[in-house]
Amino acid sequence: TGNIGRTCVAAGAKLHLIEPLGFRINEKALKRAGMDY
């Protein structure tokens, strides 16, 4: 999800997440994969 979020930023796309998620939105691994984007 973090990688996809980063790709969405680069592409100008919006990201929609349908719950339940297998993680918390504020999870460190999610932000690390999405980098500072």
PDB file of all heavy atoms in Angstrom:
ATOM      1  N   THR A   1       0.833  -1.203   0.000  1.00  0.00           N
ATOM      2  CA  THR A   1       0.000   0.000   0.000  1.00  0.00           C
ATOM      3  C   THR A   1       0.868   1.254   0.000  1.00  0.00           C
ATOM      4  O   THR A   1       0.572   2.222  -0.703  1.00  0.00           O
ATOM      5  CB  THR A   1      -0.964  -0.016   1.198  1.00  0.00           C
ATOM      6  OG1 THR A   1      -1.793  -1.181   1.091  1.00  0.00           O
ATOM      7  CG2 THR A   1      -1.845   1.217   1.222  1.00  0.00           C
ATOM      8  N   GLY A   2       1.969   1.242   0.738  1.00  0.00           N
ATOM      9  CA  GLY A   2       2.883   2.377   0.730  1.00  0.00           C
ATOM     10  C   GLY A   2       3.482   2.617  -0.640  1.00  0.00           C
ATOM     11  O   GLY A   2       3.558   3.754  -1.120  1.00  0.00           O
ATOM     12  N   ASN A   3       3.904   1.535  -1.297  1.00  0.00           N
ATOM     13  CA  ASN A   3       4.455   1.663  -2.652  1.00  0.00           C
ATOM     14  C   ASN A   3       3.408   2.179  -3.630  1.00  0.00           C
ATOM     15  O   ASN A   3       3.693   3.016  -4.487  1.00  0.00           O
ATOM     16  CB  ASN A   3       5.003   0.319  -3.138  1.00  0.00           C
ATOM     17  CG  ASN A   3       6.353   0.009  -2.548  1.00  0.00           C
ATOM     18  OD1 ASN A   3       7.177   0.885  -2.358  1.00  0.00           O
ATOM     19  ND2 ASN A   3       6.582  -1.246  -2.234  1.00  0.00           N
ATOM     20  N   ILE A   4       2.196   1.688  -3.514  1.00  0.00           N
ATOM     21  CA  ILE A   4       1.117   2.140  -4.395  1.00  0.00           C
ATOM     22  C   ILE A   4       0.808   3.611  -4.128  1.00  0.00           C
ATOM     23  O   ILE A   4       0.592   4.387  -5.059  1.00  0.00           O
ATOM     24  CB  ILE A   4      -0.127   1.245  -4.231  1.00  0.00           C
ATOM     25  CG1 ILE A   4       0.178  -0.154  -4.775  1.00  0.00           C
ATOM     26  CG2 ILE A   4      -1.352   1.849  -4.930  1.00  0.00           C
ATOM     27  CD1 ILE A   4      -0.831  -1.220  -4.391  1.00  0.00           C
ATOM     28  N   GLY A   5       0.821   4.008  -2.854  1.00  0.00           N
ATOM     29  CA  GLY A   5       0.619   5.417  -2.524  1.00  0.00           C
ATOM     30  C   GLY A   5       1.668   6.300  -3.160  1.00  0.00           C
ATOM     31  O   GLY A   5       1.361   7.360  -3.722  1.00  0.00           O
ATOM     32  N   ARG A   6       2.911   5.866  -3.120  1.00  0.00           N
ATOM     33  CA  ARG A   6       3.996   6.636  -3.743  1.00  0.00           C
ATOM     34  C   ARG A   6       3.788   6.730  -5.254  1.00  0.00           C
ATOM     35  O   ARG A   6       3.962   7.796  -5.845  1.00  0.00           O
ATOM     36  CB  ARG A   6       5.328   5.966  -3.430  1.00  0.00           C
ATOM     37  CG  ARG A   6       6.510   6.716  -3.963  1.00  0.00           C
ATOM     38  CD  ARG A   6       7.796   6.047  -3.561  1.00  0.00           C
ATOM     39  NE  ARG A   6       8.927   6.839  -4.034  1.00  0.00           N
ATOM     40  CZ  ARG A   6      10.165   6.637  -3.669  1.00  0.00           C
ATOM     41  NH1 ARG A   6      10.448   5.682  -2.807  1.00  0.00           N
ATOM     42  NH2 ARG A   6      11.140   7.376  -4.138  1.00  0.00           N
ATOM     43  N   THR A   7       3.392   5.637  -5.874  1.00  0.00           N
ATOM     44  CA  THR A   7       3.111   5.647  -7.317  1.00  0.00           C
ATOM     45  C   THR A   7       1.948   6.592  -7.627  1.00  0.00           C
ATOM     46  O   THR A   7       1.994   7.326  -8.614  1.00  0.00           O
ATOM     47  CB  THR A   7       2.809   4.218  -7.815  1.00  0.00           C
ATOM     48  OG1 THR A   7       3.951   3.393  -7.546  1.00  0.00           O
ATOM     49  CG2 THR A   7       2.495   4.195  -9.297  1.00  0.00           C
ATOM     50  N   CYS A   8       0.926   6.590  -6.788  1.00  0.00           N
ATOM     51  CA  CYS A   8      -0.211   7.498  -6.994  1.00  0.00           C
ATOM     52  C   CYS A   8       0.226   8.955  -6.949  1.00  0.00           C
ATOM     53  O   CYS A   8      -0.217   9.772  -7.758  1.00  0.00           O
ATOM     54  CB  CYS A   8      -1.306   7.239  -5.958  1.00  0.00           C
ATOM     55  SG  CYS A   8      -2.266   5.740  -6.262  1.00  0.00           S
ATOM     56  N   VAL A   9       1.101   9.298  -6.007  1.00  0.00           N
ATOM     57  CA  VAL A   9       1.598  10.672  -5.931  1.00  0.00           C
ATOM     58  C   VAL A   9       2.331  11.030  -7.222  1.00  0.00           C
ATOM     59  O   VAL A   9       2.099  12.088  -7.815  1.00  0.00           O
ATOM     60  CB  VAL A   9       2.503  10.877  -4.698  1.00  0.00           C
ATOM     61  CG1 VAL A   9       3.210  12.228  -4.754  1.00  0.00           C
ATOM     62  CG2 VAL A   9       1.685  10.768  -3.414  1.00  0.00           C
ATOM     63  N   ALA A  10       3.209  10.147  -7.689  1.00  0.00           N
ATOM     64  CA  ALA A  10       3.975  10.401  -8.908  1.00  0.00           C
ATOM     65  C   ALA A  10       3.082  10.523 -10.132  1.00  0.00           C
ATOM     66  O   ALA A  10       3.407  11.234 -11.087  1.00  0.00           O
ATOM     67  CB  ALA A  10       5.002   9.293  -9.120  1.00  0.00           C
ATOM     68  N   ALA A  11       1.943   9.827 -10.105  1.00  0.00           N
ATOM     69  CA  ALA A  11       1.030   9.793 -11.250  1.00  0.00           C
ATOM     70  C   ALA A  11      -0.124  10.779 -11.126  1.00  0.00           C
ATOM     71  O   ALA A  11      -0.936  10.890 -12.038  1.00  0.00           O
ATOM     72  CB  ALA A  11       0.477   8.380 -11.408  1.00  0.00           C
ATOM     73  N   GLY A  12      -0.238  11.455  -9.996  1.00  0.00           N
ATOM     74  CA  GLY A  12      -1.361  12.373  -9.798  1.00  0.00           C
ATOM     75  C   GLY A  12      -2.678  11.652  -9.586  1.00  0.00           C
ATOM     76  O   GLY A  12      -3.750  12.199  -9.857  1.00  0.00           O
ATOM     77  N   ALA A  13      -2.623  10.420  -9.115  1.00  0.00           N
ATOM     78  CA  ALA A  13      -3.830   9.616  -8.901  1.00  0.00           C
ATOM     79  C   ALA A  13      -4.245   9.673  -7.426  1.00  0.00           C
ATOM     80  O   ALA A  13      -3.426   9.950  -6.544  1.00  0.00           O
ATOM     81  CB  ALA A  13      -3.581   8.169  -9.310  1.00  0.00           C
ATOM     82  N   LYS A  14      -5.511   9.393  -7.184  1.00  0.00           N
ATOM     83  CA  LYS A  14      -6.033   9.310  -5.827  1.00  0.00           C
ATOM     84  C   LYS A  14      -6.030   7.847  -5.391  1.00  0.00           C
ATOM     85  O   LYS A  14      -6.207   6.956  -6.214  1.00  0.00           O
ATOM     86  CB  LYS A  14      -7.460   9.858  -5.776  1.00  0.00           C
ATOM     87  CG  LYS A  14      -7.538  11.330  -6.140  1.00  0.00           C
ATOM     88  CD  LYS A  14      -8.977  11.794  -6.193  1.00  0.00           C
ATOM     89  CE  LYS A  14      -9.034  13.242  -6.670  1.00  0.00           C
ATOM     90  NZ  LYS A  14     -10.418  13.688  -6.844  1.00  0.00           N
ATOM     91  N   LEU A  15      -5.866   7.626  -4.090  1.00  0.00           N
ATOM     92  CA  LEU A  15      -5.865   6.272  -3.549  1.00  0.00           C
ATOM     93  C   LEU A  15      -7.070   6.094  -2.638  1.00  0.00           C
ATOM     94  O   LEU A  15      -7.319   6.917  -1.758  1.00  0.00           O
ATOM     95  CB  LEU A  15      -4.572   6.005  -2.767  1.00  0.00           C
ATOM     96  CG  LEU A  15      -4.427   4.628  -2.133  1.00  0.00           C
ATOM     97  CD1 LEU A  15      -4.447   3.523  -3.198  1.00  0.00           C
ATOM     98  CD2 LEU A  15      -3.154   4.549  -1.306  1.00  0.00           C
ATOM     99  N   HIS A  16      -7.810   5.019  -2.859  1.00  0.00           N
ATOM    100  CA  HIS A  16      -9.006   4.699  -2.079  1.00  0.00           C
ATOM    101  C   HIS A  16      -8.781   3.346  -1.419  1.00  0.00           C
ATOM    102  O   HIS A  16      -8.444   2.374  -2.099  1.00  0.00           O
ATOM    103  CB  HIS A  16     -10.237   4.639  -2.990  1.00  0.00           C
ATOM    104  CG  HIS A  16     -10.446   5.900  -3.767  1.00  0.00           C
ATOM    105  ND1 HIS A  16     -11.311   6.875  -3.355  1.00  0.00           N
ATOM    106  CD2 HIS A  16      -9.889   6.344  -4.923  1.00  0.00           C
ATOM    107  CE1 HIS A  16     -11.293   7.875  -4.221  1.00  0.00           C
ATOM    108  NE2 HIS A  16     -10.430   7.575  -5.188  1.00  0.00           N
ATOM    109  N   LEU A  17      -8.958   3.288  -0.102  1.00  0.00           N
ATOM    110  CA  LEU A  17      -8.733   2.061   0.659  1.00  0.00           C
ATOM    111  C   LEU A  17     -10.044   1.581   1.260  1.00  0.00           C
ATOM    112  O   LEU A  17     -10.696   2.318   2.014  1.00  0.00           O
ATOM    113  CB  LEU A  17      -7.727   2.319   1.782  1.00  0.00           C
ATOM    114  CG  LEU A  17      -6.364   2.879   1.347  1.00  0.00           C
ATOM    115  CD1 LEU A  17      -5.519   3.209   2.570  1.00  0.00           C
ATOM    116  CD2 LEU A  17      -5.653   1.909   0.426  1.00  0.00           C
ATOM    117  N   ILE A  18     -10.430   0.361   0.913  1.00  0.00           N
ATOM    118  CA  ILE A  18     -11.659  -0.231   1.443  1.00  0.00           C
ATOM    119  C   ILE A  18     -11.276  -1.154   2.595  1.00  0.00           C
ATOM    120  O   ILE A  18     -10.476  -2.077   2.427  1.00  0.00           O
ATOM    121  CB  ILE A  18     -12.428  -0.990   0.350  1.00  0.00           C
ATOM    122  CG1 ILE A  18     -12.851  -0.014  -0.758  1.00  0.00           C
ATOM    123  CG2 ILE A  18     -13.643  -1.705   0.949  1.00  0.00           C
ATOM    124  CD1 ILE A  18     -13.511  -0.673  -1.957  1.00  0.00           C
ATOM    125  N   GLU A  19     -11.835  -0.889   3.755  1.00  0.00           N
ATOM    126  CA  GLU A  19     -11.569  -1.682   4.963  1.00  0.00           C
ATOM    127  C   GLU A  19     -12.302  -3.008   4.922  1.00  0.00           C
ATOM    128  O   GLU A  19     -13.248  -3.150   4.169  1.00  0.00           O
ATOM    129  CB  GLU A  19     -11.995  -0.863   6.190  1.00  0.00           C
ATOM    130  CG  GLU A  19     -11.192   0.414   6.336  1.00  0.00           C
ATOM    131  CD  GLU A  19     -11.670   1.287   7.495  1.00  0.00           C
ATOM    132  OE1 GLU A  19     -12.755   1.017   8.070  1.00  0.00           O
ATOM    133  OE2 GLU A  19     -10.960   2.235   7.824  1.00  0.00           O
ATOM    134  N   PRO A  20     -11.842  -3.970   5.733  1.00  0.00           N
ATOM    135  CA  PRO A  20     -10.777  -3.845   6.723  1.00  0.00           C
ATOM    136  C   PRO A  20      -9.396  -3.880   6.085  1.00  0.00           C
ATOM    137  O   PRO A  20      -9.170  -4.559   5.086  1.00  0.00           O
ATOM    138  CB  PRO A  20     -10.992  -5.051   7.633  1.00  0.00           C
ATOM    139  CG  PRO A  20     -11.647  -6.073   6.761  1.00  0.00           C
ATOM    140  CD  PRO A  20     -12.484  -5.292   5.787  1.00  0.00           C
ATOM    141  N   LEU A  21      -8.477  -3.127   6.679  1.00  0.00           N
ATOM    142  CA  LEU A  21      -7.092  -3.101   6.239  1.00  0.00           C
ATOM    143  C   LEU A  21      -6.295  -4.068   7.109  1.00  0.00           C
ATOM    144  O   LEU A  21      -6.627  -4.268   8.274  1.00  0.00           O
ATOM    145  CB  LEU A  21      -6.507  -1.689   6.385  1.00  0.00           C
ATOM    146  CG  LEU A  21      -7.305  -0.540   5.765  1.00  0.00           C
ATOM    147  CD1 LEU A  21      -6.596   0.786   6.019  1.00  0.00           C
ATOM    148  CD2 LEU A  21      -7.534  -0.759   4.280  1.00  0.00           C
ATOM    149  N   GLY A  22      -5.244  -4.618   6.577  1.00  0.00           N
ATOM    150  CA  GLY A  22      -4.402  -5.534   7.334  1.00  0.00           C
ATOM    151  C   GLY A  22      -3.339  -4.811   8.139  1.00  0.00           C
ATOM    152  O   GLY A  22      -2.370  -5.422   8.579  1.00  0.00           O
ATOM    153  N   PHE A  23      -3.505  -3.504   8.342  1.00  0.00           N
ATOM    154  CA  PHE A  23      -2.519  -2.670   9.027  1.00  0.00           C
ATOM    155  C   PHE A  23      -3.212  -1.380   9.437  1.00  0.00           C
ATOM    156  O   PHE A  23      -4.351  -1.122   9.043  1.00  0.00           O
ATOM    157  CB  PHE A  23      -1.340  -2.354   8.092  1.00  0.00           C
ATOM    158  CG  PHE A  23      -1.804  -1.848   6.749  1.00  0.00           C
ATOM    159  CD1 PHE A  23      -2.075  -0.504   6.530  1.00  0.00           C
ATOM    160  CD2 PHE A  23      -2.013  -2.727   5.701  1.00  0.00           C
ATOM    161  CE1 PHE A  23      -2.536  -0.052   5.303  1.00  0.00           C
ATOM    162  CE2 PHE A  23      -2.466  -2.290   4.462  1.00  0.00           C
ATOM    163  CZ  PHE A  23      -2.731  -0.943   4.268  1.00  0.00           C
ATOM    164  N   ARG A  24      -2.511  -0.576  10.223  1.00  0.00           N
ATOM    165  CA  ARG A  24      -3.011   0.743  10.583  1.00  0.00           C
ATOM    166  C   ARG A  24      -2.427   1.764   9.619  1.00  0.00           C
ATOM    167  O   ARG A  24      -1.279   1.646   9.194  1.00  0.00           O
ATOM    168  CB  ARG A  24      -2.620   1.086  12.020  1.00  0.00           C
ATOM    169  CG  ARG A  24      -3.305   0.202  13.052  1.00  0.00           C
ATOM    170  CD  ARG A  24      -2.952   0.595  14.481  1.00  0.00           C
ATOM    171  NE  ARG A  24      -1.546   0.924  14.705  1.00  0.00           N
ATOM    172  CZ  ARG A  24      -0.581   0.035  14.942  1.00  0.00           C
ATOM    173  NH1 ARG A  24      -0.864  -1.262  14.983  1.00  0.00           N
ATOM    174  NH2 ARG A  24       0.668   0.433  15.139  1.00  0.00           N
ATOM    175  N   ILE A  25      -3.205   2.792   9.279  1.00  0.00           N
ATOM    176  CA  ILE A  25      -2.743   3.824   8.341  1.00  0.00           C
ATOM    177  C   ILE A  25      -1.468   4.503   8.846  1.00  0.00           C
ATOM    178  O   ILE A  25      -0.637   4.914   8.063  1.00  0.00           O
ATOM    179  CB  ILE A  25      -3.862   4.871   8.119  1.00  0.00           C
ATOM    180  CG1 ILE A  25      -5.002   4.271   7.307  1.00  0.00           C
ATOM    181  CG2 ILE A  25      -3.332   6.125   7.424  1.00  0.00           C
ATOM    182  CD1 ILE A  25      -4.687   4.041   5.856  1.00  0.00           C
ATOM    183  N   ASN A  26      -1.289   4.603  10.136  1.00  0.00           N
ATOM    184  CA  ASN A  26      -0.106   5.283  10.658  1.00  0.00           C
ATOM    185  C   ASN A  26       1.075   4.328  10.877  1.00  0.00           C
ATOM    186  O   ASN A  26       2.069   4.710  11.478  1.00  0.00           O
ATOM    187  CB  ASN A  26      -0.442   6.011  11.964  1.00  0.00           C
ATOM    188  CG  ASN A  26      -0.916   5.067  13.045  1.00  0.00           C
ATOM    189  OD1 ASN A  26      -1.065   3.867  12.816  1.00  0.00           O
ATOM    190  ND2 ASN A  26      -1.166   5.608  14.227  1.00  0.00           N
ATOM    191  N   GLU A  27       0.966   3.111  10.389  1.00  0.00           N
ATOM    192  CA  GLU A  27       2.008   2.107  10.589  1.00  0.00           C
ATOM    193  C   GLU A  27       3.321   2.524   9.916  1.00  0.00           C
ATOM    194  O   GLU A  27       3.331   3.024   8.796  1.00  0.00           O
ATOM    195  CB  GLU A  27       1.527   0.768  10.034  1.00  0.00           C
ATOM    196  CG  GLU A  27       2.366  -0.391  10.472  1.00  0.00           C
ATOM    197  CD  GLU A  27       1.650  -1.706  10.240  1.00  0.00           C
ATOM    198  OE1 GLU A  27       0.473  -1.831  10.603  1.00  0.00           O
ATOM    199  OE2 GLU A  27       2.290  -2.612   9.691  1.00  0.00           O
ATOM    200  N   LYS A  28       4.421   2.293  10.628  1.00  0.00           N
ATOM    201  CA  LYS A  28       5.745   2.695  10.164  1.00  0.00           C
ATOM    202  C   LYS A  28       6.086   2.076   8.802  1.00  0.00           C
ATOM    203  O   LYS A  28       6.637   2.740   7.923  1.00  0.00           O
ATOM    204  CB  LYS A  28       6.798   2.289  11.199  1.00  0.00           C
ATOM    205  CG  LYS A  28       8.187   2.805  10.870  1.00  0.00           C
ATOM    206  CD  LYS A  28       9.247   2.226  11.775  1.00  0.00           C
ATOM    207  CE  LYS A  28       9.151   2.808  13.164  1.00  0.00           C
ATOM    208  NZ  LYS A  28      10.269   2.356  14.030  1.00  0.00           N
ATOM    209  N   ALA A  29       5.760   0.805   8.591  1.00  0.00           N
ATOM    210  CA  ALA A  29       6.092   0.132   7.322  1.00  0.00           C
ATOM    211  C   ALA A  29       5.372   0.774   6.143  1.00  0.00           C
ATOM    212  O   ALA A  29       5.919   0.864   5.041  1.00  0.00           O
ATOM    213  CB  ALA A  29       5.740  -1.350   7.400  1.00  0.00           C
ATOM    214  N   LEU A  30       4.159   1.231   6.360  1.00  0.00           N
ATOM    215  CA  LEU A  30       3.390   1.892   5.306  1.00  0.00           C
ATOM    216  C   LEU A  30       4.069   3.202   4.914  1.00  0.00           C
ATOM    217  O   LEU A  30       4.297   3.476   3.738  1.00  0.00           O
ATOM    218  CB  LEU A  30       1.964   2.166   5.805  1.00  0.00           C
ATOM    219  CG  LEU A  30       1.044   2.923   4.880  1.00  0.00           C
ATOM    220  CD1 LEU A  30       0.631   2.043   3.722  1.00  0.00           C
ATOM    221  CD2 LEU A  30      -0.176   3.386   5.643  1.00  0.00           C
ATOM    222  N   LYS A  31       4.415   3.990   5.890  1.00  0.00           N
ATOM    223  CA  LYS A  31       5.056   5.283   5.615  1.00  0.00           C
ATOM    224  C   LYS A  31       6.449   5.095   5.034  1.00  0.00           C
ATOM    225  O   LYS A  31       6.880   5.859   4.179  1.00  0.00           O
ATOM    226  CB  LYS A  31       5.110   6.108   6.890  1.00  0.00           C
ATOM    227  CG  LYS A  31       3.711   6.355   7.450  1.00  0.00           C
ATOM    228  CD  LYS A  31       3.374   7.795   7.529  1.00  0.00           C
ATOM    229  CE  LYS A  31       1.918   7.965   7.802  1.00  0.00           C
ATOM    230  NZ  LYS A  31       1.526   8.522   9.011  1.00  0.00           N
ATOM    231  N   ARG A  32       7.178   4.071   5.497  1.00  0.00           N
ATOM    232  CA  ARG A  32       8.518   3.828   4.976  1.00  0.00           C
ATOM    233  C   ARG A  32       8.449   3.485   3.494  1.00  0.00           C
ATOM    234  O   ARG A  32       9.221   3.988   2.688  1.00  0.00           O
ATOM    235  CB  ARG A  32       9.200   2.694   5.752  1.00  0.00           C
ATOM    236  CG  ARG A  32      10.657   2.524   5.367  1.00  0.00           C
ATOM    237  CD  ARG A  32      11.367   1.436   6.165  1.00  0.00           C
ATOM    238  NE  ARG A  32      11.091   1.510   7.583  1.00  0.00           N
ATOM    239  CZ  ARG A  32      10.625   0.477   8.292  1.00  0.00           C
ATOM    240  NH1 ARG A  32      10.405  -0.688   7.732  1.00  0.00           N
ATOM    241  NH2 ARG A  32      10.400   0.606   9.578  1.00  0.00           N
ATOM    242  N   ALA A  33       7.511   2.632   3.113  1.00  0.00           N
ATOM    243  CA  ALA A  33       7.379   2.247   1.705  1.00  0.00           C
ATOM    244  C   ALA A  33       6.904   3.424   0.851  1.00  0.00           C
ATOM    245  O   ALA A  33       7.287   3.547  -0.307  1.00  0.00           O
ATOM    246  CB  ALA A  33       6.408   1.078   1.572  1.00  0.00           C
ATOM    247  N   GLY A  34       6.075   4.272   1.418  1.00  0.00           N
ATOM    248  CA  GLY A  34       5.592   5.446   0.698  1.00  0.00           C
ATOM    249  C   GLY A  34       6.560   6.606   0.758  1.00  0.00           C
ATOM    250  O   GLY A  34       6.335   7.648   0.155  1.00  0.00           O
ATOM    251  N   MET A  35       7.644   6.397   1.528  1.00  0.00           N
ATOM    252  CA  MET A  35       8.688   7.400   1.722  1.00  0.00           C
ATOM    253  C   MET A  35       8.065   8.686   2.253  1.00  0.00           C
ATOM    254  O   MET A  35       7.097   8.650   2.985  1.00  0.00           O
ATOM    255  CB  MET A  35       9.455   7.629   0.416  1.00  0.00           C
ATOM    256  CG  MET A  35      10.048   6.376  -0.178  1.00  0.00           C
ATOM    257  SD  MET A  35      11.421   5.679   0.732  1.00  0.00           S
ATOM    258  CE  MET A  35      12.681   6.889   0.426  1.00  0.00           C
ATOM    259  N   ASP A  36       8.609   9.787   1.858  1.00  0.00           N
ATOM    260  CA  ASP A  36       8.108  11.065   2.346  1.00  0.00           C
ATOM    261  C   ASP A  36       6.959  11.587   1.486  1.00  0.00           C
ATOM    262  O   ASP A  36       6.538  12.715   1.632  1.00  0.00           O
ATOM    263  CB  ASP A  36       9.241  12.085   2.404  1.00  0.00           C
ATOM    264  CG  ASP A  36       9.994  12.212   1.092  1.00  0.00           C
ATOM    265  OD1 ASP A  36       9.825  11.335   0.218  1.00  0.00           O
ATOM    266  OD2 ASP A  36      10.756  13.173   0.947  1.00  0.00           O
ATOM    267  N   TYR A  37       6.424  10.753   0.615  1.00  0.00           N
ATOM    268  CA  TYR A  37       5.343  11.159  -0.270  1.00  0.00           C
ATOM    269  C   TYR A  37       3.967  11.019   0.366  1.00  0.00           C
ATOM    270  O   TYR A  37       2.994  11.544  -0.145  1.00  0.00           O
ATOM    271  CB  TYR A  37       5.363  10.331  -1.562  1.00  0.00           C
ATOM    272  CG  TYR A  37       6.620  10.531  -2.371  1.00  0.00           C
ATOM    273  CD1 TYR A  37       7.677   9.658  -2.267  1.00  0.00           C
ATOM    274  CD2 TYR A  37       6.738  11.613  -3.232  1.00  0.00           C
ATOM    275  CE1 TYR A  37       8.835   9.833  -3.002  1.00  0.00           C
ATOM    276  CE2 TYR A  37       7.887  11.804  -3.974  1.00  0.00           C
ATOM    277  CZ  TYR A  37       8.926  10.914  -3.858  1.00  0.00           C
ATOM    278  OH  TYR A  37      10.061  11.111  -4.582  1.00  0.00           O
TER     279      TYR A  37
END
